[in-house]
Amino acid sequence: MGVKEGLLALLAAGPSHGYQLKLDLEAATADGNAVNVGQVYTTLQRLERDELVTVQRADDEGRVIYELTEAGRESLGEWMRRPTDLAAAGRDEVSLKVLLALATGSADPREVIATQRGAAMGLLQDYTRLRSEMDPEDIAWQLRLERMVLSVEAELRWLDRAEDRLGDVKSKKATSVRSEAAKASSRQ
């Protein structure tokens, strides 16, 4: 999620000023989208330029209040209806490391997998601890934490599968080498 979409969603609930939008964005995403207040104001300026928000007024404290326009509502609706491209959601550095280690011999891919598995297991333990400490009323944090747990579990399953595949390749190579050696000795 970009800051733009987050701000549009918050402004759909009602007019607000920049600093409050920063706080609300962080709260709404269970602190999963920490932003610099300067980034919020820069984004609000772009949204105003693009006619997705308007400056409604200054409040009693002199803060500028922003309001969503109809074009802003349409833009938000389009974003909400558009599925997220999972392949583009994040660069899969773990896969790249394993594949490059396999292709180049620059590292043992099994060691790369073992290192990543250790880190993932540690993270899963941290998330399990957080789950036991969480406020049962905080639905946003529960949903965020559950997503993080499932992501780590998926990574662990992939690491297991990659390790199994590497074992299959090693077994096939060893069988092939033994078979070639047996053929060579039978020819002698």
C-alpha atoms as a PDB file:
ATOM      1  CA  MET A   1       0.000   0.000   0.000  1.00  0.00           C
ATOM      2  CA  GLY A   2       1.218   3.418  -0.840  1.00  0.00           C
ATOM      3  CA  VAL A   3       0.811   6.464   1.339  1.00  0.00           C
ATOM      4  CA  LYS A   4      -1.498   7.894  -1.323  1.00  0.00           C
ATOM      5  CA  GLU A   5      -4.013   5.070  -1.023  1.00  0.00           C
ATOM      6  CA  GLY A   6      -3.827   5.094   2.769  1.00  0.00           C
ATOM      7  CA  LEU A   7      -4.557   8.813   2.906  1.00  0.00           C
ATOM      8  CA  LEU A   8      -7.445   8.490   0.466  1.00  0.00           C
ATOM      9  CA  ALA A   9      -8.957   5.709   2.583  1.00  0.00           C
ATOM     10  CA  LEU A  10      -8.643   7.744   5.766  1.00  0.00           C
ATOM     11  CA  LEU A  11     -10.124  10.845   4.145  1.00  0.00           C
ATOM     12  CA  ALA A  12     -13.081   8.740   2.949  1.00  0.00           C
ATOM     13  CA  ALA A  13     -14.019   8.540   6.635  1.00  0.00           C
ATOM     14  CA  GLY A  14     -13.977  12.320   6.941  1.00  0.00           C
ATOM     15  CA  PRO A  15     -11.851  15.469   6.658  1.00  0.00           C
ATOM     16  CA  SER A  16      -8.618  15.650   8.648  1.00  0.00           C
ATOM     17  CA  HIS A  17      -5.282  17.416   8.937  1.00  0.00           C
ATOM     18  CA  GLY A  18      -1.903  16.000   7.943  1.00  0.00           C
ATOM     19  CA  TYR A  19      -0.450  15.035  11.299  1.00  0.00           C
ATOM     20  CA  GLN A  20      -3.684  13.330  12.375  1.00  0.00           C
ATOM     21  CA  LEU A  21      -3.671  11.431   9.076  1.00  0.00           C
ATOM     22  CA  LYS A  22      -0.125  10.213   9.831  1.00  0.00           C
ATOM     23  CA  LEU A  23      -1.214   8.948  13.263  1.00  0.00           C
ATOM     24  CA  ASP A  24      -4.405   7.393  11.894  1.00  0.00           C
ATOM     25  CA  LEU A  25      -2.538   5.636   9.061  1.00  0.00           C
ATOM     26  CA  GLU A  26      -0.104   4.056  11.490  1.00  0.00           C
ATOM     27  CA  ALA A  27      -2.929   3.040  13.851  1.00  0.00           C
ATOM     28  CA  ALA A  28      -5.126   1.656  11.056  1.00  0.00           C
ATOM     29  CA  THR A  29      -2.293  -0.533   9.766  1.00  0.00           C
ATOM     30  CA  ALA A  30      -1.232  -1.716  13.244  1.00  0.00           C
ATOM     31  CA  ASP A  31       1.965   0.315  12.824  1.00  0.00           C
ATOM     32  CA  GLY A  32       2.736  -1.672   9.680  1.00  0.00           C
ATOM     33  CA  ASN A  33       3.033   1.449   7.602  1.00  0.00           C
ATOM     34  CA  ALA A  34       5.110   3.958   9.567  1.00  0.00           C
ATOM     35  CA  VAL A  35       5.479   7.179   7.617  1.00  0.00           C
ATOM     36  CA  ASN A  36       7.341  10.420   7.997  1.00  0.00           C
ATOM     37  CA  VAL A  37       5.028  13.383   8.482  1.00  0.00           C
ATOM     38  CA  GLY A  38       6.846  15.169   5.644  1.00  0.00           C
ATOM     39  CA  GLN A  39       5.913  12.295   3.332  1.00  0.00           C
ATOM     40  CA  VAL A  40       2.274  12.723   4.361  1.00  0.00           C
ATOM     41  CA  TYR A  41       2.277  16.441   3.526  1.00  0.00           C
ATOM     42  CA  THR A  42       4.111  15.913   0.226  1.00  0.00           C
ATOM     43  CA  THR A  43       1.572  13.251  -0.737  1.00  0.00           C
ATOM     44  CA  LEU A  44      -1.331  15.510   0.281  1.00  0.00           C
ATOM     45  CA  GLN A  45       0.065  18.257  -1.967  1.00  0.00           C
ATOM     46  CA  ARG A  46       0.196  15.814  -4.900  1.00  0.00           C
ATOM     47  CA  LEU A  47      -3.332  14.620  -4.151  1.00  0.00           C
ATOM     48  CA  GLU A  48      -4.527  18.230  -4.135  1.00  0.00           C
ATOM     49  CA  ARG A  49      -2.692  18.910  -7.420  1.00  0.00           C
ATOM     50  CA  ASP A  50      -4.360  15.835  -8.943  1.00  0.00           C
ATOM     51  CA  GLU A  51      -7.730  17.021  -7.611  1.00  0.00           C
ATOM     52  CA  LEU A  52      -8.227  13.945  -5.440  1.00  0.00           C
ATOM     53  CA  VAL A  53      -8.420  16.067  -2.278  1.00  0.00           C
ATOM     54  CA  THR A  54      -9.237  19.690  -1.555  1.00  0.00           C
ATOM     55  CA  VAL A  55      -8.136  21.997   1.201  1.00  0.00           C
ATOM     56  CA  GLN A  56     -11.359  22.504   3.072  1.00  0.00           C
ATOM     57  CA  ARG A  57     -10.330  25.095   5.655  1.00  0.00           C
ATOM     58  CA  ALA A  58      -7.939  25.802   8.495  1.00  0.00           C
ATOM     59  CA  ASP A  59      -9.118  24.642  11.908  1.00  0.00           C
ATOM     60  CA  ASP A  60      -9.050  26.699  15.129  1.00  0.00           C
ATOM     61  CA  GLU A  61      -5.373  25.858  15.585  1.00  0.00           C
ATOM     62  CA  GLY A  62      -4.455  26.931  12.047  1.00  0.00           C
ATOM     63  CA  ARG A  63      -4.007  23.412  10.718  1.00  0.00           C
ATOM     64  CA  VAL A  64      -5.010  22.766   7.113  1.00  0.00           C
ATOM     65  CA  ILE A  65      -7.933  20.355   6.826  1.00  0.00           C
ATOM     66  CA  TYR A  66      -8.088  18.083   3.772  1.00  0.00           C
ATOM     67  CA  GLU A  67     -11.226  16.560   2.286  1.00  0.00           C
ATOM     68  CA  LEU A  68     -11.690  13.817  -0.296  1.00  0.00           C
ATOM     69  CA  THR A  69     -13.158  14.818  -3.659  1.00  0.00           C
ATOM     70  CA  GLU A  70     -15.421  12.652  -5.806  1.00  0.00           C
ATOM     71  CA  ALA A  71     -12.424  11.894  -8.037  1.00  0.00           C
ATOM     72  CA  GLY A  72     -10.557  10.829  -4.890  1.00  0.00           C
ATOM     73  CA  ARG A  73     -13.400   8.458  -3.948  1.00  0.00           C
ATOM     74  CA  GLU A  74     -13.317   6.963  -7.438  1.00  0.00           C
ATOM     75  CA  SER A  75      -9.537   6.518  -7.288  1.00  0.00           C
ATOM     76  CA  LEU A  76      -9.825   4.852  -3.872  1.00  0.00           C
ATOM     77  CA  GLY A  77     -12.603   2.566  -5.124  1.00  0.00           C
ATOM     78  CA  GLU A  78     -10.532   1.499  -8.124  1.00  0.00           C
ATOM     79  CA  TRP A  79      -7.563   0.712  -5.866  1.00  0.00           C
ATOM     80  CA  MET A  80      -9.720  -1.280  -3.438  1.00  0.00           C
ATOM     81  CA  ARG A  81     -11.229  -3.340  -6.271  1.00  0.00           C
ATOM     82  CA  ARG A  82      -7.879  -4.064  -7.969  1.00  0.00           C
ATOM     83  CA  PRO A  83      -6.172  -7.257  -6.765  1.00  0.00           C
ATOM     84  CA  THR A  84      -2.586  -6.943  -5.597  1.00  0.00           C
ATOM     85  CA  ASP A  85       0.001  -8.572  -7.845  1.00  0.00           C
ATOM     86  CA  LEU A  86       1.630 -11.007  -5.447  1.00  0.00           C
ATOM     87  CA  ALA A  87       4.740 -11.286  -7.589  1.00  0.00           C
ATOM     88  CA  ALA A  88       5.216  -7.532  -7.348  1.00  0.00           C
ATOM     89  CA  ALA A  89       4.380  -7.328  -3.641  1.00  0.00           C
ATOM     90  CA  GLY A  90       8.006  -7.773  -2.702  1.00  0.00           C
ATOM     91  CA  ARG A  91      11.287  -8.874  -4.154  1.00  0.00           C
ATOM     92  CA  ASP A  92      11.869 -12.505  -3.285  1.00  0.00           C
ATOM     93  CA  GLU A  93      15.468 -12.241  -2.141  1.00  0.00           C
ATOM     94  CA  VAL A  94      15.484 -15.692  -0.514  1.00  0.00           C
ATOM     95  CA  SER A  95      14.687 -17.405  -3.809  1.00  0.00           C
ATOM     96  CA  LEU A  96      17.272 -15.275  -5.596  1.00  0.00           C
ATOM     97  CA  LYS A  97      19.966 -16.257  -3.087  1.00  0.00           C
ATOM     98  CA  VAL A  98      19.192 -19.979  -3.380  1.00  0.00           C
ATOM     99  CA  LEU A  99      18.976 -19.891  -7.181  1.00  0.00           C
ATOM    100  CA  LEU A 100      22.173 -17.877  -7.568  1.00  0.00           C
ATOM    101  CA  ALA A 101      24.022 -20.136  -5.124  1.00  0.00           C
ATOM    102  CA  LEU A 102      22.843 -23.143  -7.132  1.00  0.00           C
ATOM    103  CA  ALA A 103      23.681 -21.611 -10.513  1.00  0.00           C
ATOM    104  CA  THR A 104      27.030 -20.071  -9.638  1.00  0.00           C
ATOM    105  CA  GLY A 105      28.444 -22.247  -6.887  1.00  0.00           C
ATOM    106  CA  SER A 106      29.187 -19.037  -4.952  1.00  0.00           C
ATOM    107  CA  ALA A 107      27.647 -20.598  -1.836  1.00  0.00           C
ATOM    108  CA  ASP A 108      26.146 -23.901  -0.797  1.00  0.00           C
ATOM    109  CA  PRO A 109      22.400 -23.492  -1.409  1.00  0.00           C
ATOM    110  CA  ARG A 110      21.704 -25.818   1.540  1.00  0.00           C
ATOM    111  CA  GLU A 111      23.571 -23.429   3.824  1.00  0.00           C
ATOM    112  CA  VAL A 112      21.573 -20.497   2.446  1.00  0.00           C
ATOM    113  CA  ILE A 113      18.390 -22.470   3.170  1.00  0.00           C
ATOM    114  CA  ALA A 114      19.548 -23.439   6.675  1.00  0.00           C
ATOM    115  CA  THR A 115      20.430 -19.843   7.528  1.00  0.00           C
ATOM    116  CA  GLN A 116      17.078 -18.582   6.295  1.00  0.00           C
ATOM    117  CA  ARG A 117      15.222 -21.376   8.105  1.00  0.00           C
ATOM    118  CA  GLY A 118      16.901 -20.390  11.391  1.00  0.00           C
ATOM    119  CA  ALA A 119      15.916 -16.755  10.925  1.00  0.00           C
ATOM    120  CA  ALA A 120      12.345 -17.698   9.973  1.00  0.00           C
ATOM    121  CA  MET A 121      11.981 -19.996  12.978  1.00  0.00           C
ATOM    122  CA  GLY A 122      13.189 -17.213  15.276  1.00  0.00           C
ATOM    123  CA  LEU A 123      10.689 -14.832  13.731  1.00  0.00           C
ATOM    124  CA  LEU A 124       7.891 -17.362  14.120  1.00  0.00           C
ATOM    125  CA  GLN A 125       8.767 -17.732  17.809  1.00  0.00           C
ATOM    126  CA  ASP A 126       8.661 -13.934  18.213  1.00  0.00           C
ATOM    127  CA  TYR A 127       5.260 -13.775  16.526  1.00  0.00           C
ATOM    128  CA  THR A 128       3.947 -16.594  18.718  1.00  0.00           C
ATOM    129  CA  ARG A 129       5.069 -14.661  21.804  1.00  0.00           C
ATOM    130  CA  LEU A 130       3.409 -11.494  20.481  1.00  0.00           C
ATOM    131  CA  ARG A 131       0.208 -13.424  19.845  1.00  0.00           C
ATOM    132  CA  SER A 132       0.063 -14.489  23.502  1.00  0.00           C
ATOM    133  CA  GLU A 133       0.542 -10.876  24.635  1.00  0.00           C
ATOM    134  CA  MET A 134      -1.900  -9.230  22.234  1.00  0.00           C
ATOM    135  CA  ASP A 135      -5.006  -7.344  23.232  1.00  0.00           C
ATOM    136  CA  PRO A 136      -7.961  -9.519  22.134  1.00  0.00           C
ATOM    137  CA  GLU A 137      -9.884  -6.338  21.234  1.00  0.00           C
ATOM    138  CA  ASP A 138      -7.241  -5.105  18.766  1.00  0.00           C
ATOM    139  CA  ILE A 139      -8.570  -6.648  15.550  1.00  0.00           C
ATOM    140  CA  ALA A 140      -6.185  -4.672  13.305  1.00  0.00           C
ATOM    141  CA  TRP A 141      -3.118  -6.011  15.128  1.00  0.00           C
ATOM    142  CA  GLN A 142      -4.570  -9.553  15.205  1.00  0.00           C
ATOM    143  CA  LEU A 143      -5.084  -9.513  11.433  1.00  0.00           C
ATOM    144  CA  ARG A 144      -1.626  -8.053  10.786  1.00  0.00           C
ATOM    145  CA  LEU A 145       0.078 -10.568  13.063  1.00  0.00           C
ATOM    146  CA  GLU A 146      -1.821 -13.484  11.528  1.00  0.00           C
ATOM    147  CA  ARG A 147      -0.689 -12.369   8.048  1.00  0.00           C
ATOM    148  CA  MET A 148       2.922 -12.221   9.255  1.00  0.00           C
ATOM    149  CA  VAL A 149       2.668 -15.698  10.834  1.00  0.00           C
ATOM    150  CA  LEU A 150       1.205 -17.196   7.666  1.00  0.00           C
ATOM    151  CA  SER A 151       3.928 -15.559   5.548  1.00  0.00           C
ATOM    152  CA  VAL A 152       6.668 -17.063   7.710  1.00  0.00           C
ATOM    153  CA  GLU A 153       4.971 -20.468   7.657  1.00  0.00           C
ATOM    154  CA  ALA A 154       4.762 -20.295   3.862  1.00  0.00           C
ATOM    155  CA  GLU A 155       8.448 -19.419   3.660  1.00  0.00           C
ATOM    156  CA  LEU A 156       9.323 -22.386   5.884  1.00  0.00           C
ATOM    157  CA  ARG A 157       7.290 -24.714   3.639  1.00  0.00           C
ATOM    158  CA  TRP A 158       9.092 -23.366   0.566  1.00  0.00           C
ATOM    159  CA  LEU A 159      12.481 -23.817   2.252  1.00  0.00           C
ATOM    160  CA  ASP A 160      11.566 -27.447   3.043  1.00  0.00           C
ATOM    161  CA  ARG A 161      10.504 -28.038  -0.549  1.00  0.00           C
ATOM    162  CA  ALA A 162      13.657 -26.390  -1.936  1.00  0.00           C
ATOM    163  CA  GLU A 163      15.825 -28.514   0.339  1.00  0.00           C
ATOM    164  CA  ASP A 164      13.964 -31.658  -0.773  1.00  0.00           C
ATOM    165  CA  ARG A 165      14.473 -30.727  -4.424  1.00  0.00           C
ATOM    166  CA  LEU A 166      18.180 -30.139  -3.865  1.00  0.00           C
ATOM    167  CA  GLY A 167      18.344 -33.555  -2.201  1.00  0.00           C
ATOM    168  CA  ASP A 168      16.607 -35.105  -5.231  1.00  0.00           C
ATOM    169  CA  VAL A 169      19.138 -33.448  -7.554  1.00  0.00           C
ATOM    170  CA  LYS A 170      22.041 -34.667  -5.427  1.00  0.00           C
ATOM    171  CA  SER A 171      20.600 -38.204  -5.350  1.00  0.00           C
ATOM    172  CA  LYS A 172      20.101 -38.250  -9.127  1.00  0.00           C
ATOM    173  CA  LYS A 173      23.636 -36.962  -9.703  1.00  0.00           C
ATOM    174  CA  ALA A 174      25.086 -39.593  -7.341  1.00  0.00           C
ATOM    175  CA  THR A 175      23.043 -42.349  -9.030  1.00  0.00           C
ATOM    176  CA  SER A 176      24.128 -41.097 -12.439  1.00  0.00           C
ATOM    177  CA  VAL A 177      27.805 -41.033 -11.413  1.00  0.00           C
ATOM    178  CA  ARG A 178      27.570 -44.585  -9.976  1.00  0.00           C
ATOM    179  CA  SER A 179      25.786 -45.765 -13.112  1.00  0.00           C
ATOM    180  CA  GLU A 180      28.449 -44.245 -15.376  1.00  0.00           C
ATOM    181  CA  ALA A 181      31.206 -45.792 -13.249  1.00  0.00           C
ATOM    182  CA  ALA A 182      29.509 -49.210 -13.442  1.00  0.00           C
ATOM    183  CA  LYS A 183      29.196 -48.940 -17.230  1.00  0.00           C
ATOM    184  CA  ALA A 184      32.826 -47.943 -17.553  1.00  0.00           C
ATOM    185  CA  SER A 185      34.050 -50.855 -15.402  1.00  0.00           C
ATOM    186  CA  SER A 186      31.881 -53.376 -17.293  1.00  0.00           C
ATOM    187  CA  ARG A 187      33.444 -52.240 -20.572  1.00  0.00           C
ATOM    188  CA  GLN A 188      36.911 -53.031 -19.264  1.00  0.00           C
END
